[in-house]
């Protein structure tokens, strides 16, 4: 395949069938893994090729014991981190929660939000993993490939990989490895706080991902793009 439109209508062939993100709910776990293996071959980990003037944050909020999901994306100026645009959508999801297959629950809703966002960012930070994933295709990599957008995974917990605990000072970091491959970094955003885990998603590499996330750290443990996206979707859910 040569390229993909920046739209939710992206399709890919899995097991001789054409699969759109809108059809993810009907996939079996084995079919989802087959799709991940295909998408993995399309991920590009490389130095960032463009200037970032706007950065986005994306997150999901679920009603407990419900298939209702609220997805949101916020766009901020970079490096000033001033709000430029935001959007939330409400939808439903039936794909079960399976470790390593988080993207299949969240990406269809996030793509609906992305399609409705007027001011799309130059780079998107997602609350989850990039290549710091068993199959190197976490939600940030998955989303980046589908939209052909530079993306970074910024997670509050580690999925795979080994690392040395960063020094107990703000912005200290240490490389994270899995099967002798560097897949990201542990970053201590605040003194006396647990580190977060940064990994490139698509069209960016580890050093550039780490630099950008460091520039987004304020007085909170979670960097501004995903922290504000988290507040956005929680507000949409609780208001309703």
Protein backbone atom coordinates (compact mmCIF):
# COMPACT_ATOMS: atom_id res chain seq x y z
CA UNK A 1 0.00 0.00 0.00
CA UNK A 2 1.29 3.45 -0.87
CA UNK A 3 -0.30 5.87 1.50
CA UNK A 4 -3.36 6.45 3.54
CA UNK A 5 -5.92 9.23 3.50
CA UNK A 6 -6.18 11.36 6.60
CA UNK A 7 -9.63 10.02 7.35
CA UNK A 8 -11.45 7.45 9.43
CA UNK A 9 -12.17 5.59 6.18
CA UNK A 10 -8.68 4.02 6.14
CA UNK A 11 -8.89 0.34 5.16
CA UNK A 12 -6.40 -2.51 5.19
CA UNK A 13 -6.49 -6.10 4.07
CA UNK A 14 -6.44 -8.64 6.90
CA UNK A 15 -6.95 -12.34 6.19
CA UNK A 16 -8.24 -11.47 2.70
CA UNK A 17 -10.84 -9.08 4.11
CA UNK A 18 -10.98 -5.30 3.96
CA UNK A 19 -10.99 -3.86 7.46
CA UNK A 20 -11.92 -0.29 8.37
CA UNK A 21 -11.51 1.10 11.91
CA UNK A 22 -15.30 1.34 12.03
CA UNK A 23 -15.30 -2.47 11.84
CA UNK A 24 -12.82 -3.09 14.66
CA UNK A 25 -15.59 -4.24 17.00
CA UNK A 26 -16.12 -7.30 14.80
CA UNK A 27 -12.51 -8.47 14.88
CA UNK A 28 -11.38 -11.51 16.82
CA UNK A 29 -8.21 -11.13 18.90
CA UNK A 30 -6.25 -13.14 16.33
CA UNK A 31 -7.49 -10.91 13.50
CA UNK A 32 -6.58 -7.82 15.50
CA UNK A 33 -3.07 -9.15 16.04
CA UNK A 34 -2.76 -9.89 12.31
CA UNK A 35 -3.71 -6.29 11.59
CA UNK A 36 -1.14 -5.08 14.11
CA UNK A 37 1.56 -7.13 12.41
CA UNK A 38 0.71 -5.50 9.09
CA UNK A 39 0.63 -1.99 10.54
CA UNK A 40 3.94 -2.62 12.30
CA UNK A 41 5.61 -2.91 8.89
CA UNK A 42 4.38 0.60 8.07
CA UNK A 43 5.65 2.36 11.20
CA UNK A 44 8.54 4.75 10.50
CA UNK A 45 10.85 5.60 13.38
CA UNK A 46 13.01 8.46 12.15
CA UNK A 47 14.15 11.96 13.13
CA UNK A 48 11.30 14.43 13.03
CA UNK A 49 11.14 15.94 9.54
CA UNK A 50 8.96 19.00 10.16
CA UNK A 51 8.71 21.99 12.45
CA UNK A 52 6.09 21.60 15.14
CA UNK A 53 3.91 24.69 15.53
CA UNK A 54 0.87 22.93 17.00
CA UNK A 55 0.82 19.85 19.21
CA UNK A 56 -2.20 17.76 20.09
CA UNK A 57 -3.22 15.57 22.99
CA UNK A 58 -5.70 12.71 22.75
CA UNK A 59 -7.48 10.67 25.40
CA UNK A 60 -10.51 8.49 26.05
CA UNK A 61 -12.93 8.34 28.98
CA UNK A 62 -15.19 5.34 29.63
CA UNK A 63 -18.29 4.97 31.71
CA UNK A 64 -17.58 2.10 34.08
CA UNK A 65 -19.41 -1.10 33.11
CA UNK A 66 -20.67 0.59 29.93
CA UNK A 67 -19.70 0.49 26.27
CA UNK A 68 -20.12 4.26 26.00
CA UNK A 69 -16.88 6.08 25.27
CA UNK A 70 -15.94 9.76 25.13
CA UNK A 71 -12.99 10.64 22.91
CA UNK A 72 -11.29 13.99 22.82
CA UNK A 73 -8.43 15.80 21.12
CA UNK A 74 -7.05 19.20 22.08
CA UNK A 75 -4.68 21.27 19.93
CA UNK A 76 -2.12 23.58 21.57
CA UNK A 77 0.40 26.01 20.16
CA UNK A 78 3.97 24.77 20.49
CA UNK A 79 6.07 25.48 22.42
CA UNK A 80 3.77 28.01 24.13
CA UNK A 81 1.08 25.37 24.85
CA UNK A 82 -1.81 27.78 24.42
CA UNK A 83 -5.17 26.18 23.45
CA UNK A 84 -6.07 26.46 19.76
CA UNK A 85 -8.88 23.97 19.27
CA UNK A 86 -10.64 21.04 20.91
CA UNK A 87 -13.27 18.46 20.10
CA UNK A 88 -15.06 15.62 21.89
CA UNK A 89 -17.26 12.84 20.54
CA UNK A 90 -19.47 10.28 22.22
CA UNK A 91 -19.77 6.82 20.74
CA UNK A 92 -19.92 3.16 21.75
CA UNK A 93 -17.43 0.33 21.58
CA UNK A 94 -17.83 -3.44 21.83
CA UNK A 95 -14.24 -4.61 21.36
CA UNK A 96 -13.18 -6.14 24.70
CA UNK A 97 -10.35 -4.87 26.84
CA UNK A 98 -7.37 -7.09 25.99
CA UNK A 99 -3.82 -6.13 27.04
CA UNK A 100 -1.82 -5.18 23.96
CA UNK A 101 -4.96 -4.50 21.89
CA UNK A 102 -6.02 -1.23 23.51
CA UNK A 103 -6.02 0.57 20.15
CA UNK A 104 -8.95 -1.47 18.90
CA UNK A 105 -11.15 -0.10 21.69
CA UNK A 106 -10.02 3.51 21.41
CA UNK A 107 -8.92 4.35 17.87
CA UNK A 108 -12.33 4.30 16.15
CA UNK A 109 -13.60 6.96 18.56
CA UNK A 110 -10.38 8.97 18.35
CA UNK A 111 -10.58 8.97 14.56
CA UNK A 112 -14.12 10.35 14.74
CA UNK A 113 -12.76 13.20 16.88
CA UNK A 114 -9.80 13.69 14.53
CA UNK A 115 -12.06 13.99 11.50
CA UNK A 116 -14.14 16.67 13.23
CA UNK A 117 -11.16 18.68 14.48
CA UNK A 118 -10.79 21.88 12.44
CA UNK A 119 -7.22 22.71 13.48
CA UNK A 120 -5.29 19.47 13.32
CA UNK A 121 -1.92 19.44 15.11
CA UNK A 122 1.43 18.81 13.46
CA UNK A 123 2.07 16.08 16.03
CA UNK A 124 -0.23 14.14 18.35
CA UNK A 125 0.57 12.80 21.82
CA UNK A 126 -1.60 9.87 22.92
CA UNK A 127 -2.16 8.46 26.38
CA UNK A 128 -0.60 5.06 25.75
CA UNK A 129 2.32 3.40 24.05
CA UNK A 130 4.10 3.99 20.77
CA UNK A 131 6.60 1.28 19.88
CA UNK A 132 7.02 0.39 23.57
CA UNK A 133 4.68 -2.49 22.88
CA UNK A 134 5.11 -6.25 22.55
CA UNK A 135 4.53 -6.04 18.79
CA UNK A 136 5.88 -2.47 18.45
CA UNK A 137 2.44 -1.14 17.53
CA UNK A 138 0.86 0.62 20.48
CA UNK A 139 -2.01 3.06 20.12
CA UNK A 140 0.27 6.00 19.20
CA UNK A 141 1.95 4.04 16.40
CA UNK A 142 -1.39 2.66 15.22
CA UNK A 143 -2.98 6.10 15.09
CA UNK A 144 0.07 7.70 13.49
CA UNK A 145 0.11 5.20 10.63
CA UNK A 146 -3.64 5.53 9.98
CA UNK A 147 -3.50 9.34 9.81
CA UNK A 148 0.06 9.70 8.45
CA UNK A 149 0.79 12.02 11.38
CA UNK A 150 3.86 12.20 13.66
CA UNK A 151 2.82 10.71 16.99
CA UNK A 152 4.20 10.01 20.46
CA UNK A 153 3.05 7.59 23.13
CA UNK A 154 3.10 9.03 26.64
CA UNK A 155 1.99 6.48 29.23
CA UNK A 156 1.68 6.56 33.00
CA UNK A 157 2.63 2.88 33.26
CA UNK A 158 5.02 0.56 31.44
CA UNK A 159 3.80 -2.19 29.16
CA UNK A 160 7.11 -3.81 28.18
CA UNK A 161 10.78 -2.98 28.49
CA UNK A 162 13.54 -2.63 31.05
CA UNK A 163 15.06 0.59 32.32
CA UNK A 164 17.09 2.03 35.14
CA UNK A 165 15.14 4.31 37.43
CA UNK A 166 15.92 7.94 36.45
CA UNK A 167 17.62 10.20 38.97
CA UNK A 168 15.22 11.83 41.40
CA UNK A 169 15.33 15.22 39.72
CA UNK A 170 12.97 16.92 37.31
CA UNK A 171 13.37 15.85 33.65
CA UNK A 172 15.85 13.06 34.41
CA UNK A 173 15.44 10.17 31.99
CA UNK A 174 16.79 6.73 31.17
CA UNK A 175 16.56 4.60 28.06
CA UNK A 176 14.09 1.73 27.92
CA UNK A 177 14.93 -1.50 26.09
CA UNK A 178 13.05 -4.59 25.00
CA UNK A 179 14.79 -7.53 23.33
CA UNK A 180 17.96 -5.43 22.93
CA UNK A 181 16.03 -2.70 21.08
CA UNK A 182 15.65 0.83 22.39
CA UNK A 183 11.91 1.45 22.46
CA UNK A 184 11.58 4.64 24.48
CA UNK A 185 12.52 6.29 27.74
CA UNK A 186 11.43 6.58 31.34
CA UNK A 187 11.08 10.26 32.21
CA UNK A 188 10.77 11.66 35.70
CA UNK A 189 8.78 14.83 35.17
CA UNK A 190 8.80 15.90 38.81
CA UNK A 191 11.01 15.17 41.80
CA UNK A 192 9.61 12.43 44.06
CA UNK A 193 7.13 11.33 41.38
CA UNK A 194 7.04 8.05 39.49
CA UNK A 195 8.34 8.31 35.93
CA UNK A 196 6.18 8.38 32.84
CA UNK A 197 7.04 6.35 29.74
CA UNK A 198 7.69 8.04 26.42
CA UNK A 199 7.99 6.17 23.13
CA UNK A 200 7.89 7.25 19.49
CA UNK A 201 4.73 6.37 17.63
CA UNK A 202 5.30 7.21 13.97
CA UNK A 203 7.45 9.61 11.92
CA UNK A 204 9.61 10.51 14.92
CA UNK A 205 12.42 8.88 16.93
CA UNK A 206 13.20 8.42 20.62
CA UNK A 207 15.41 11.53 21.11
CA UNK A 208 12.95 13.89 19.43
CA UNK A 209 10.01 12.33 21.29
CA UNK A 210 11.75 12.82 24.60
CA UNK A 211 12.72 16.43 23.82
CA UNK A 212 9.18 17.37 22.84
CA UNK A 213 7.60 15.79 25.91
CA UNK A 214 10.14 17.54 28.15
CA UNK A 215 9.07 20.84 26.58
CA UNK A 216 5.47 20.03 27.50
CA UNK A 217 6.13 19.39 31.19
CA UNK A 218 4.74 21.99 33.55
CA UNK A 219 3.90 21.72 37.23
CA UNK A 220 2.11 18.39 36.86
CA UNK A 221 3.44 14.85 36.44
CA UNK A 222 1.57 14.35 33.16
CA UNK A 223 2.62 16.63 30.25
CA UNK A 224 0.18 19.28 29.07
CA UNK A 225 -1.17 17.67 25.87
CA UNK A 226 -2.42 14.45 27.44
CA UNK A 227 -3.28 16.05 30.79
CA UNK A 228 -5.56 18.58 29.11
CA UNK A 229 -7.05 15.93 26.84
CA UNK A 230 -7.79 13.84 29.94
CA UNK A 231 -9.57 16.77 31.59
CA UNK A 232 -11.47 17.45 28.38
CA UNK A 233 -12.95 13.97 28.02
CA UNK A 234 -13.68 13.59 31.72
CA UNK A 235 -15.56 16.88 31.64
CA UNK A 236 -17.58 15.70 28.63
CA UNK A 237 -18.48 12.46 30.43
CA UNK A 238 -19.34 13.95 33.82
CA UNK A 239 -21.35 16.83 32.37
CA UNK A 240 -23.58 14.36 30.59
